[in-house]
């Protein structure tokens, strides 16, 4: 006589289903974190001081205002506000944000780039960048919250920001920094402004 397998209760089946779904969700979350980390971190073949000053120069060349610089911790934080004008459209064709970033040509959107540089060795520096976008007008539900809390005037209160995870944007940033490092290493071989579209 053939025995049937042990009966499985419906709650046990539900538990197995939920466990499987959660396990697959954790794997995809871990993959997403790895993908973002790979996109936002780059080693740079340059000593720390040169990499740091090259990063500041590239951000300034892109029209960012340097808000915070701390050479000791490696932090560079810069802001840029984009306005939709005919000249900004022409400039954006070759700029860091071109049309790859969400809302890249918003009237009045603010972009923040934060870079943290760490010394990997005497001749290598690691750069980790994070790019955020704050729209000119927050979503209505957050604007109402700011009005109620009177936090709209507080500079430290960020109503709404989104992280930008567009590989081409980070690649352009890191390429521009690498080019600036090479220009500094061999100033007579790479003219200033090389690699920028007119």
N, C-alpha and C. Protein backbone atom coordinates (compact mmCIF):
# COMPACT_ATOMS: atom_id res chain seq x y z
N UNK A 1 0.84 -1.17 0.00
CA UNK A 1 0.00 0.00 0.00
C UNK A 1 0.89 1.25 0.00
N UNK A 2 0.58 2.20 -0.85
CA UNK A 2 1.34 3.45 -0.96
C UNK A 2 0.71 4.47 -0.03
N UNK A 3 1.57 5.04 0.78
CA UNK A 3 1.09 6.06 1.72
C UNK A 3 1.15 7.43 1.05
N UNK A 4 0.17 8.25 1.32
CA UNK A 4 0.19 9.62 0.81
C UNK A 4 1.12 10.47 1.67
N UNK A 5 1.69 11.53 1.09
CA UNK A 5 2.57 12.39 1.89
C UNK A 5 1.79 13.00 3.06
N UNK A 6 2.53 13.46 4.04
CA UNK A 6 1.89 14.07 5.20
C UNK A 6 1.04 15.25 4.75
N UNK A 7 -0.13 15.39 5.31
CA UNK A 7 -0.97 16.52 4.93
C UNK A 7 -0.33 17.83 5.41
N UNK A 8 -0.45 18.84 4.56
CA UNK A 8 0.08 20.16 4.89
C UNK A 8 -1.10 21.09 5.09
N UNK A 9 -1.12 21.71 6.24
CA UNK A 9 -2.25 22.59 6.54
C UNK A 9 -2.18 23.84 5.66
N UNK A 10 -3.29 24.50 5.53
CA UNK A 10 -3.33 25.72 4.71
C UNK A 10 -2.48 26.82 5.32
N UNK A 11 -2.40 26.87 6.65
CA UNK A 11 -1.56 27.90 7.28
C UNK A 11 -0.08 27.62 7.03
N UNK A 12 0.31 26.34 6.97
CA UNK A 12 1.70 26.01 6.67
C UNK A 12 2.03 26.38 5.23
N UNK A 13 1.08 26.13 4.31
CA UNK A 13 1.29 26.52 2.92
C UNK A 13 1.42 28.03 2.80
N UNK A 14 0.57 28.76 3.53
CA UNK A 14 0.64 30.21 3.51
C UNK A 14 1.99 30.70 4.04
N UNK A 15 2.45 30.07 5.13
CA UNK A 15 3.75 30.43 5.70
C UNK A 15 4.86 30.21 4.69
N UNK A 16 4.87 29.07 4.01
CA UNK A 16 5.89 28.77 3.00
C UNK A 16 5.84 29.78 1.85
N UNK A 17 4.63 30.13 1.43
CA UNK A 17 4.48 31.11 0.35
C UNK A 17 5.04 32.47 0.76
N UNK A 18 4.66 32.93 1.95
CA UNK A 18 5.14 34.23 2.43
C UNK A 18 6.65 34.22 2.61
N UNK A 19 7.20 33.14 3.15
CA UNK A 19 8.65 33.03 3.33
C UNK A 19 9.37 33.09 1.99
N UNK A 20 8.82 32.42 0.98
CA UNK A 20 9.43 32.43 -0.36
C UNK A 20 9.40 33.83 -0.95
N UNK A 21 8.26 34.51 -0.82
CA UNK A 21 8.14 35.87 -1.35
C UNK A 21 9.10 36.81 -0.64
N UNK A 22 9.19 36.71 0.68
CA UNK A 22 10.09 37.60 1.43
C UNK A 22 11.54 37.32 1.08
N UNK A 23 11.90 36.07 0.92
CA UNK A 23 13.27 35.72 0.58
C UNK A 23 13.63 36.27 -0.79
N UNK A 24 12.73 36.17 -1.74
CA UNK A 24 13.02 36.71 -3.07
C UNK A 24 13.07 38.22 -3.04
N UNK A 25 12.26 38.85 -2.20
CA UNK A 25 12.29 40.31 -2.05
C UNK A 25 13.60 40.78 -1.45
N UNK A 26 14.14 40.04 -0.49
CA UNK A 26 15.43 40.39 0.11
C UNK A 26 16.54 40.29 -0.91
N UNK A 27 16.49 39.25 -1.75
CA UNK A 27 17.52 39.08 -2.77
C UNK A 27 17.47 40.24 -3.76
N UNK A 28 16.28 40.62 -4.19
CA UNK A 28 16.19 41.71 -5.16
C UNK A 28 16.57 43.04 -4.51
N UNK A 29 16.27 43.22 -3.24
CA UNK A 29 16.67 44.44 -2.53
C UNK A 29 18.20 44.50 -2.42
N UNK A 30 18.82 43.38 -2.12
CA UNK A 30 20.28 43.33 -2.03
C UNK A 30 20.91 43.62 -3.40
N UNK A 31 20.30 43.09 -4.46
CA UNK A 31 20.80 43.35 -5.81
C UNK A 31 20.67 44.83 -6.16
N UNK A 32 19.56 45.45 -5.75
CA UNK A 32 19.35 46.87 -6.00
C UNK A 32 20.41 47.71 -5.28
N UNK A 33 20.70 47.36 -4.05
CA UNK A 33 21.72 48.08 -3.28
C UNK A 33 23.08 47.93 -3.95
N UNK A 34 23.41 46.73 -4.40
CA UNK A 34 24.68 46.51 -5.09
C UNK A 34 24.76 47.31 -6.38
N UNK A 35 23.65 47.32 -7.14
CA UNK A 35 23.61 48.07 -8.39
C UNK A 35 23.83 49.56 -8.14
N UNK A 36 23.16 50.10 -7.11
CA UNK A 36 23.32 51.53 -6.78
C UNK A 36 24.74 51.82 -6.32
N UNK A 37 25.29 50.94 -5.50
CA UNK A 37 26.65 51.15 -5.00
C UNK A 37 27.65 51.13 -6.16
N UNK A 38 27.48 50.19 -7.08
CA UNK A 38 28.39 50.10 -8.23
C UNK A 38 28.30 51.37 -9.09
N UNK A 39 27.11 51.93 -9.21
CA UNK A 39 26.90 53.12 -10.02
C UNK A 39 27.49 54.37 -9.36
N UNK A 40 27.44 54.46 -8.03
CA UNK A 40 27.78 55.71 -7.35
C UNK A 40 29.18 55.75 -6.76
N UNK A 41 29.94 54.67 -6.88
CA UNK A 41 31.30 54.63 -6.32
C UNK A 41 32.29 54.32 -7.43
N UNK A 42 33.40 55.08 -7.47
CA UNK A 42 34.45 54.83 -8.46
C UNK A 42 35.82 55.05 -7.83
N UNK A 43 36.76 54.17 -8.15
CA UNK A 43 38.15 54.45 -7.77
C UNK A 43 38.75 55.40 -8.80
N UNK A 44 39.63 56.25 -8.35
CA UNK A 44 40.27 57.21 -9.24
C UNK A 44 41.77 57.10 -9.06
N UNK A 45 42.53 56.90 -10.14
CA UNK A 45 43.99 56.78 -10.01
C UNK A 45 44.65 58.14 -9.78
N UNK A 46 44.48 58.64 -8.58
CA UNK A 46 45.05 59.95 -8.23
C UNK A 46 45.21 60.01 -6.72
N UNK A 47 46.22 60.76 -6.31
CA UNK A 47 46.38 60.95 -4.86
C UNK A 47 45.22 61.81 -4.35
N UNK A 48 44.95 61.70 -3.08
CA UNK A 48 43.76 62.29 -2.46
C UNK A 48 43.61 63.79 -2.74
N UNK A 49 44.65 64.57 -2.52
CA UNK A 49 44.56 66.03 -2.70
C UNK A 49 44.21 66.41 -4.13
N UNK A 50 44.80 65.73 -5.09
CA UNK A 50 44.52 66.04 -6.49
C UNK A 50 43.08 65.64 -6.84
N UNK A 51 42.64 64.48 -6.38
CA UNK A 51 41.27 64.03 -6.65
C UNK A 51 40.25 64.98 -6.02
N UNK A 52 40.54 65.43 -4.82
CA UNK A 52 39.63 66.33 -4.11
C UNK A 52 39.48 67.65 -4.87
N UNK A 53 40.61 68.27 -5.22
CA UNK A 53 40.53 69.57 -5.91
C UNK A 53 39.96 69.42 -7.32
N UNK A 54 40.22 68.29 -7.99
CA UNK A 54 39.65 68.06 -9.32
C UNK A 54 38.12 67.94 -9.23
N UNK A 55 37.63 67.27 -8.20
CA UNK A 55 36.18 67.12 -8.02
C UNK A 55 35.52 68.47 -7.79
N UNK A 56 36.12 69.30 -6.95
CA UNK A 56 35.59 70.65 -6.71
C UNK A 56 35.57 71.44 -8.02
N UNK A 57 36.64 71.36 -8.79
CA UNK A 57 36.72 72.11 -10.06
C UNK A 57 35.66 71.66 -11.05
N UNK A 58 35.45 70.35 -11.17
CA UNK A 58 34.44 69.83 -12.11
C UNK A 58 33.05 70.32 -11.71
N UNK A 59 32.73 70.26 -10.44
CA UNK A 59 31.41 70.71 -9.99
C UNK A 59 31.23 72.21 -10.27
N UNK A 60 32.25 73.00 -10.03
CA UNK A 60 32.17 74.43 -10.33
C UNK A 60 32.04 74.67 -11.83
N UNK A 61 32.78 73.91 -12.63
CA UNK A 61 32.67 74.04 -14.09
C UNK A 61 31.27 73.70 -14.59
N UNK A 62 30.58 72.81 -13.88
CA UNK A 62 29.22 72.41 -14.26
C UNK A 62 28.17 73.41 -13.76
N UNK A 63 28.62 74.46 -13.08
CA UNK A 63 27.69 75.50 -12.63
C UNK A 63 27.16 75.30 -11.22
N UNK A 64 27.74 74.39 -10.47
CA UNK A 64 27.32 74.17 -9.09
C UNK A 64 27.99 75.17 -8.17
N UNK A 65 27.28 75.55 -7.13
CA UNK A 65 27.82 76.41 -6.10
C UNK A 65 28.25 75.49 -4.96
N UNK A 66 29.51 75.58 -4.58
CA UNK A 66 30.02 74.72 -3.52
C UNK A 66 29.48 75.25 -2.19
N UNK A 67 28.72 74.42 -1.51
CA UNK A 67 28.09 74.81 -0.25
C UNK A 67 28.93 74.39 0.95
N UNK A 68 29.59 73.23 0.82
CA UNK A 68 30.34 72.70 1.96
C UNK A 68 31.54 71.92 1.44
N UNK A 69 32.69 72.16 2.04
CA UNK A 69 33.91 71.44 1.70
C UNK A 69 34.62 71.11 3.00
N UNK A 70 34.93 69.84 3.19
CA UNK A 70 35.68 69.41 4.36
C UNK A 70 36.74 68.41 3.89
N UNK A 71 37.93 68.91 3.67
CA UNK A 71 39.02 68.07 3.15
C UNK A 71 39.34 66.91 4.09
N UNK A 72 39.19 67.14 5.36
CA UNK A 72 39.53 66.11 6.35
C UNK A 72 38.61 64.90 6.26
N UNK A 73 37.30 65.15 6.15
CA UNK A 73 36.34 64.04 6.04
C UNK A 73 36.12 63.61 4.59
N UNK A 74 36.56 64.45 3.64
CA UNK A 74 36.40 64.13 2.23
C UNK A 74 35.08 64.57 1.64
N UNK A 75 34.30 65.36 2.37
CA UNK A 75 32.96 65.76 1.93
C UNK A 75 33.00 67.00 1.04
N UNK A 76 32.28 66.91 -0.07
CA UNK A 76 32.05 68.07 -0.94
C UNK A 76 30.56 68.07 -1.21
N UNK A 77 29.89 69.19 -0.95
CA UNK A 77 28.45 69.30 -1.21
C UNK A 77 28.23 70.55 -2.05
N UNK A 78 27.52 70.37 -3.17
CA UNK A 78 27.32 71.48 -4.11
C UNK A 78 25.87 71.52 -4.57
N UNK A 79 25.37 72.72 -4.85
CA UNK A 79 23.99 72.92 -5.30
C UNK A 79 23.96 73.65 -6.63
N UNK A 80 22.91 73.37 -7.39
CA UNK A 80 22.71 74.06 -8.66
C UNK A 80 21.21 74.15 -8.89
N UNK A 81 20.75 75.32 -9.28
CA UNK A 81 19.34 75.50 -9.61
C UNK A 81 19.22 75.66 -11.11
N UNK A 82 18.33 74.90 -11.73
CA UNK A 82 18.15 74.92 -13.18
C UNK A 82 16.91 75.73 -13.53
N UNK A 83 17.07 76.65 -14.46
CA UNK A 83 15.94 77.40 -15.00
C UNK A 83 15.81 77.11 -16.48
N UNK A 84 14.61 76.96 -16.95
CA UNK A 84 14.36 76.64 -18.34
C UNK A 84 14.42 77.90 -19.19
N UNK A 85 15.55 78.06 -19.89
CA UNK A 85 15.72 79.17 -20.82
C UNK A 85 16.34 78.61 -22.09
N UNK A 86 16.35 79.39 -23.15
CA UNK A 86 16.94 78.94 -24.41
C UNK A 86 18.43 78.62 -24.23
N UNK A 87 19.14 79.47 -23.48
CA UNK A 87 20.57 79.22 -23.29
C UNK A 87 20.81 78.00 -22.41
N UNK A 88 19.94 77.77 -21.41
CA UNK A 88 20.14 76.59 -20.56
C UNK A 88 19.87 75.31 -21.33
N UNK A 89 18.97 75.37 -22.30
CA UNK A 89 18.71 74.19 -23.14
C UNK A 89 19.96 73.88 -23.96
N UNK A 90 20.57 74.91 -24.55
CA UNK A 90 21.79 74.68 -25.34
C UNK A 90 22.92 74.18 -24.45
N UNK A 91 23.08 74.76 -23.26
CA UNK A 91 24.14 74.33 -22.35
C UNK A 91 23.92 72.90 -21.87
N UNK A 92 22.67 72.51 -21.66
CA UNK A 92 22.37 71.20 -21.10
C UNK A 92 22.68 70.07 -22.05
N UNK A 93 22.80 70.36 -23.33
CA UNK A 93 23.09 69.30 -24.29
C UNK A 93 24.39 68.60 -23.92
N UNK A 94 25.38 69.34 -23.48
CA UNK A 94 26.64 68.72 -23.12
C UNK A 94 26.89 68.69 -21.63
N UNK A 95 25.92 69.05 -20.82
CA UNK A 95 26.17 69.14 -19.38
C UNK A 95 25.95 67.82 -18.67
N UNK A 96 26.26 67.85 -17.43
CA UNK A 96 26.17 66.67 -16.59
C UNK A 96 24.78 66.06 -16.60
N UNK A 97 23.74 66.87 -16.57
CA UNK A 97 22.41 66.32 -16.43
C UNK A 97 21.66 66.14 -17.73
N UNK A 98 22.13 66.63 -18.83
CA UNK A 98 21.44 66.55 -20.12
C UNK A 98 20.00 66.10 -19.95
N UNK A 99 19.57 65.11 -20.69
CA UNK A 99 18.18 64.67 -20.57
C UNK A 99 18.06 63.32 -19.91
N UNK A 100 19.10 62.86 -19.20
CA UNK A 100 19.07 61.56 -18.56
C UNK A 100 18.40 61.58 -17.20
N UNK A 101 18.48 62.70 -16.52
CA UNK A 101 17.94 62.77 -15.16
C UNK A 101 16.47 63.12 -15.20
N UNK A 102 15.69 62.60 -14.24
CA UNK A 102 14.28 62.97 -14.21
C UNK A 102 14.13 64.45 -14.01
N UNK A 103 13.27 65.07 -14.80
CA UNK A 103 13.00 66.50 -14.65
C UNK A 103 14.23 67.35 -14.85
N UNK A 104 15.15 66.92 -15.73
CA UNK A 104 16.44 67.59 -15.81
C UNK A 104 16.35 69.04 -16.27
N UNK A 105 15.27 69.44 -16.89
CA UNK A 105 15.17 70.81 -17.36
C UNK A 105 14.05 71.57 -16.64
N UNK A 106 13.76 71.18 -15.41
CA UNK A 106 12.70 71.85 -14.66
C UNK A 106 13.03 73.31 -14.42
N UNK A 107 12.01 74.11 -14.41
CA UNK A 107 12.17 75.52 -14.12
C UNK A 107 12.32 75.68 -12.61
N UNK A 108 13.53 75.87 -12.16
CA UNK A 108 13.77 76.11 -10.75
C UNK A 108 14.07 74.89 -9.91
N UNK A 109 14.20 73.69 -10.49
CA UNK A 109 14.55 72.52 -9.70
C UNK A 109 15.97 72.69 -9.18
N UNK A 110 16.23 72.23 -7.97
CA UNK A 110 17.55 72.32 -7.37
C UNK A 110 18.18 70.93 -7.35
N UNK A 111 19.42 70.86 -7.78
CA UNK A 111 20.18 69.62 -7.75
C UNK A 111 21.27 69.74 -6.71
N UNK A 112 21.46 68.68 -5.94
CA UNK A 112 22.54 68.65 -4.98
C UNK A 112 23.42 67.45 -5.29
N UNK A 113 24.71 67.69 -5.36
CA UNK A 113 25.68 66.62 -5.52
C UNK A 113 26.51 66.59 -4.25
N UNK A 114 26.54 65.42 -3.62
CA UNK A 114 27.40 65.20 -2.46
C UNK A 114 28.42 64.16 -2.84
N UNK A 115 29.68 64.46 -2.64
CA UNK A 115 30.75 63.52 -2.91
C UNK A 115 31.55 63.30 -1.63
N UNK A 116 31.89 62.06 -1.37
CA UNK A 116 32.78 61.74 -0.26
C UNK A 116 33.98 61.03 -0.86
N UNK A 117 35.16 61.58 -0.63
CA UNK A 117 36.39 60.99 -1.14
C UNK A 117 37.14 60.35 0.00
N UNK A 118 37.66 59.15 -0.25
CA UNK A 118 38.47 58.45 0.75
C UNK A 118 39.76 57.98 0.10
N UNK A 119 40.82 58.06 0.86
CA UNK A 119 42.13 57.64 0.37
C UNK A 119 42.19 56.12 0.41
N UNK A 120 42.33 55.49 -0.76
CA UNK A 120 42.45 54.03 -0.82
C UNK A 120 43.90 53.60 -0.68
N UNK A 121 44.80 54.37 -1.31
CA UNK A 121 46.24 54.14 -1.22
C UNK A 121 46.91 55.48 -1.49
N UNK A 122 48.22 55.47 -1.58
CA UNK A 122 48.94 56.72 -1.84
C UNK A 122 48.61 57.29 -3.22
N UNK A 123 48.19 56.42 -4.16
CA UNK A 123 47.94 56.89 -5.52
C UNK A 123 46.52 56.60 -6.00
N UNK A 124 45.64 56.18 -5.11
CA UNK A 124 44.25 55.88 -5.49
C UNK A 124 43.28 56.49 -4.47
N UNK A 125 42.25 57.12 -5.01
CA UNK A 125 41.20 57.72 -4.18
C UNK A 125 39.86 57.17 -4.64
N UNK A 126 39.02 56.86 -3.68
CA UNK A 126 37.68 56.39 -4.02
C UNK A 126 36.70 57.54 -3.87
N UNK A 127 35.81 57.68 -4.86
CA UNK A 127 34.79 58.74 -4.82
C UNK A 127 33.43 58.07 -4.74
N UNK A 128 32.64 58.53 -3.79
CA UNK A 128 31.24 58.10 -3.70
C UNK A 128 30.38 59.34 -3.89
N UNK A 129 29.50 59.30 -4.89
CA UNK A 129 28.67 60.46 -5.20
C UNK A 129 27.20 60.14 -4.96
N UNK A 130 26.44 61.14 -4.59
CA UNK A 130 24.99 61.03 -4.48
C UNK A 130 24.40 62.28 -5.09
N UNK A 131 23.47 62.09 -6.00
CA UNK A 131 22.84 63.22 -6.68
C UNK A 131 21.37 63.22 -6.32
N UNK A 132 20.88 64.35 -5.87
CA UNK A 132 19.48 64.50 -5.50
C UNK A 132 18.85 65.66 -6.26
N UNK A 133 17.55 65.57 -6.44
CA UNK A 133 16.78 66.62 -7.13
C UNK A 133 15.64 67.05 -6.22
N UNK A 134 15.53 68.36 -6.05
CA UNK A 134 14.41 68.92 -5.30
C UNK A 134 13.59 69.75 -6.28
N UNK A 135 12.34 69.34 -6.53
CA UNK A 135 11.53 70.09 -7.50
C UNK A 135 11.25 71.50 -6.98
N UNK A 136 10.95 72.42 -7.91
CA UNK A 136 10.69 73.80 -7.49
C UNK A 136 9.44 73.94 -6.64
N UNK A 137 8.47 73.06 -6.87
CA UNK A 137 7.23 73.09 -6.09
C UNK A 137 7.03 71.70 -5.51
N UNK A 138 6.93 71.59 -4.19
CA UNK A 138 6.74 70.26 -3.59
C UNK A 138 5.34 69.73 -3.87
N UNK A 139 5.16 68.42 -3.73
CA UNK A 139 3.81 67.86 -3.87
C UNK A 139 2.86 68.55 -2.90
N UNK A 140 1.59 68.71 -3.26
CA UNK A 140 0.63 69.46 -2.43
C UNK A 140 0.55 68.97 -0.99
N UNK A 141 0.62 67.64 -0.78
CA UNK A 141 0.49 67.15 0.59
C UNK A 141 1.66 67.58 1.46
N UNK A 142 2.87 67.69 0.89
CA UNK A 142 4.02 68.13 1.67
C UNK A 142 4.02 69.64 1.85
N UNK A 143 3.53 70.37 0.86
CA UNK A 143 3.42 71.82 0.99
C UNK A 143 2.46 72.17 2.13
N UNK A 144 1.36 71.43 2.24
CA UNK A 144 0.40 71.66 3.32
C UNK A 144 1.05 71.38 4.66
N UNK A 145 1.86 70.32 4.74
CA UNK A 145 2.55 69.99 5.98
C UNK A 145 3.50 71.10 6.38
N UNK A 146 4.25 71.64 5.42
CA UNK A 146 5.18 72.72 5.72
C UNK A 146 4.44 73.95 6.23
N UNK A 147 3.27 74.25 5.65
CA UNK A 147 2.48 75.40 6.08
C UNK A 147 2.01 75.22 7.52
N UNK A 148 1.57 74.01 7.84
CA UNK A 148 1.07 73.73 9.18
C UNK A 148 2.19 73.82 10.20
N UNK A 149 3.36 73.29 9.84
CA UNK A 149 4.46 73.26 10.81
C UNK A 149 5.32 74.51 10.79
N UNK A 150 5.02 75.44 9.90
CA UNK A 150 5.82 76.66 9.74
C UNK A 150 7.29 76.34 9.47
N UNK A 151 7.53 75.21 8.82
CA UNK A 151 8.90 74.80 8.54
C UNK A 151 9.36 75.23 7.15
N UNK A 152 8.50 75.87 6.41
CA UNK A 152 8.85 76.24 5.03
C UNK A 152 10.04 77.18 4.97
N UNK A 153 10.25 77.99 6.00
CA UNK A 153 11.35 78.94 5.98
C UNK A 153 12.64 78.36 6.55
N UNK A 154 12.57 77.17 7.13
CA UNK A 154 13.74 76.55 7.74
C UNK A 154 14.62 75.95 6.65
N UNK A 155 15.88 76.44 6.52
CA UNK A 155 16.77 75.95 5.47
C UNK A 155 17.06 74.47 5.60
N UNK A 156 17.07 73.94 6.81
CA UNK A 156 17.39 72.53 7.02
C UNK A 156 16.22 71.61 6.74
N UNK A 157 15.04 72.16 6.56
CA UNK A 157 13.86 71.34 6.32
C UNK A 157 13.73 71.09 4.83
N UNK A 158 13.95 69.85 4.40
CA UNK A 158 13.84 69.47 3.00
C UNK A 158 12.46 68.90 2.76
N UNK A 159 11.64 69.63 2.00
CA UNK A 159 10.27 69.19 1.77
C UNK A 159 10.21 67.89 0.97
N UNK A 160 10.92 67.86 -0.11
CA UNK A 160 10.82 66.70 -0.98
C UNK A 160 12.07 66.61 -1.83
N UNK A 161 12.76 65.51 -1.76
CA UNK A 161 13.94 65.28 -2.59
C UNK A 161 13.88 63.86 -3.11
N UNK A 162 14.38 63.70 -4.32
CA UNK A 162 14.48 62.35 -4.86
C UNK A 162 15.92 62.09 -5.25
N UNK A 163 16.38 60.88 -4.96
CA UNK A 163 17.71 60.48 -5.38
C UNK A 163 17.66 60.15 -6.86
N UNK A 164 18.69 60.54 -7.56
CA UNK A 164 18.77 60.24 -8.98
C UNK A 164 19.69 59.04 -9.15
N UNK A 165 19.15 58.00 -9.75
CA UNK A 165 19.93 56.80 -10.03
C UNK A 165 19.90 56.54 -11.52
N UNK A 166 20.64 57.34 -12.26
CA UNK A 166 20.75 57.20 -13.71
C UNK A 166 22.23 56.95 -14.01
N UNK A 167 22.57 55.74 -14.43
CA UNK A 167 23.99 55.41 -14.62
C UNK A 167 24.75 56.40 -15.51
N UNK A 168 24.14 56.88 -16.58
CA UNK A 168 24.84 57.80 -17.49
C UNK A 168 25.22 59.10 -16.81
N UNK A 169 24.42 59.57 -15.88
CA UNK A 169 24.72 60.82 -15.16
C UNK A 169 25.96 60.64 -14.29
N UNK A 170 25.99 59.53 -13.53
CA UNK A 170 27.16 59.27 -12.68
C UNK A 170 28.40 59.02 -13.53
N UNK A 171 28.23 58.30 -14.64
CA UNK A 171 29.37 58.02 -15.51
C UNK A 171 29.97 59.32 -16.04
N UNK A 172 29.12 60.27 -16.46
CA UNK A 172 29.62 61.55 -16.95
C UNK A 172 30.36 62.32 -15.86
N UNK A 173 29.83 62.28 -14.64
CA UNK A 173 30.49 62.96 -13.52
C UNK A 173 31.87 62.35 -13.29
N UNK A 174 31.94 61.03 -13.17
CA UNK A 174 33.22 60.39 -12.90
C UNK A 174 34.20 60.56 -14.07
N UNK A 175 33.70 60.52 -15.31
CA UNK A 175 34.56 60.74 -16.48
C UNK A 175 35.13 62.16 -16.47
N UNK A 176 34.30 63.14 -16.11
CA UNK A 176 34.77 64.53 -16.06
C UNK A 176 35.84 64.71 -14.99
N UNK A 177 35.65 64.06 -13.85
CA UNK A 177 36.64 64.15 -12.77
C UNK A 177 37.94 63.48 -13.20
N UNK A 178 37.85 62.30 -13.84
CA UNK A 178 39.05 61.59 -14.30
C UNK A 178 39.80 62.43 -15.34
N UNK A 179 39.07 63.09 -16.24
CA UNK A 179 39.70 63.93 -17.25
C UNK A 179 40.41 65.12 -16.60
N UNK A 180 39.77 65.70 -15.59
CA UNK A 180 40.39 66.83 -14.89
C UNK A 180 41.65 66.38 -14.15
N UNK A 181 41.64 65.18 -13.59
CA UNK A 181 42.84 64.65 -12.93
C UNK A 181 43.96 64.48 -13.95
N UNK A 182 43.64 63.92 -15.11
CA UNK A 182 44.65 63.73 -16.15
C UNK A 182 45.19 65.08 -16.63
N UNK A 183 44.32 66.06 -16.76
CA UNK A 183 44.75 67.39 -17.16
C UNK A 183 45.73 67.96 -16.14
N UNK A 184 45.47 67.72 -14.87
CA UNK A 184 46.36 68.24 -13.82
C UNK A 184 47.69 67.48 -13.78
N UNK A 185 47.65 66.20 -14.11
CA UNK A 185 48.89 65.41 -14.13
C UNK A 185 49.77 65.81 -15.31
N UNK A 186 49.14 66.11 -16.44
CA UNK A 186 49.88 66.47 -17.65
C UNK A 186 49.27 67.74 -18.25
N UNK A 187 49.51 68.87 -17.64
CA UNK A 187 48.82 70.10 -18.05
C UNK A 187 49.10 70.53 -19.49
N UNK A 188 50.24 70.14 -20.05
CA UNK A 188 50.54 70.56 -21.41
C UNK A 188 49.95 69.65 -22.47
N UNK A 189 49.37 68.48 -22.07
CA UNK A 189 48.83 67.53 -23.05
C UNK A 189 47.33 67.62 -23.23
N UNK A 190 46.58 67.97 -22.18
CA UNK A 190 45.13 68.05 -22.27
C UNK A 190 44.73 69.49 -22.05
N UNK A 191 44.20 70.17 -23.08
CA UNK A 191 43.82 71.56 -22.91
C UNK A 191 42.61 71.72 -21.99
N UNK A 192 42.51 72.81 -21.23
CA UNK A 192 41.34 73.05 -20.39
C UNK A 192 40.08 73.02 -21.24
N UNK A 193 39.03 72.41 -20.72
CA UNK A 193 37.77 72.34 -21.43
C UNK A 193 37.67 71.17 -22.38
N UNK A 194 38.72 70.34 -22.48
CA UNK A 194 38.67 69.17 -23.37
C UNK A 194 37.60 68.22 -22.88
N UNK A 195 36.90 67.61 -23.79
CA UNK A 195 35.86 66.65 -23.43
C UNK A 195 34.51 67.29 -23.22
N UNK A 196 34.41 68.59 -23.29
CA UNK A 196 33.10 69.27 -23.12
C UNK A 196 32.54 69.63 -24.47
N UNK A 197 31.26 69.37 -24.65
CA UNK A 197 30.60 69.78 -25.89
C UNK A 197 30.29 71.26 -25.82
N UNK A 198 30.39 71.92 -26.94
CA UNK A 198 30.11 73.37 -26.98
C UNK A 198 28.63 73.63 -27.10
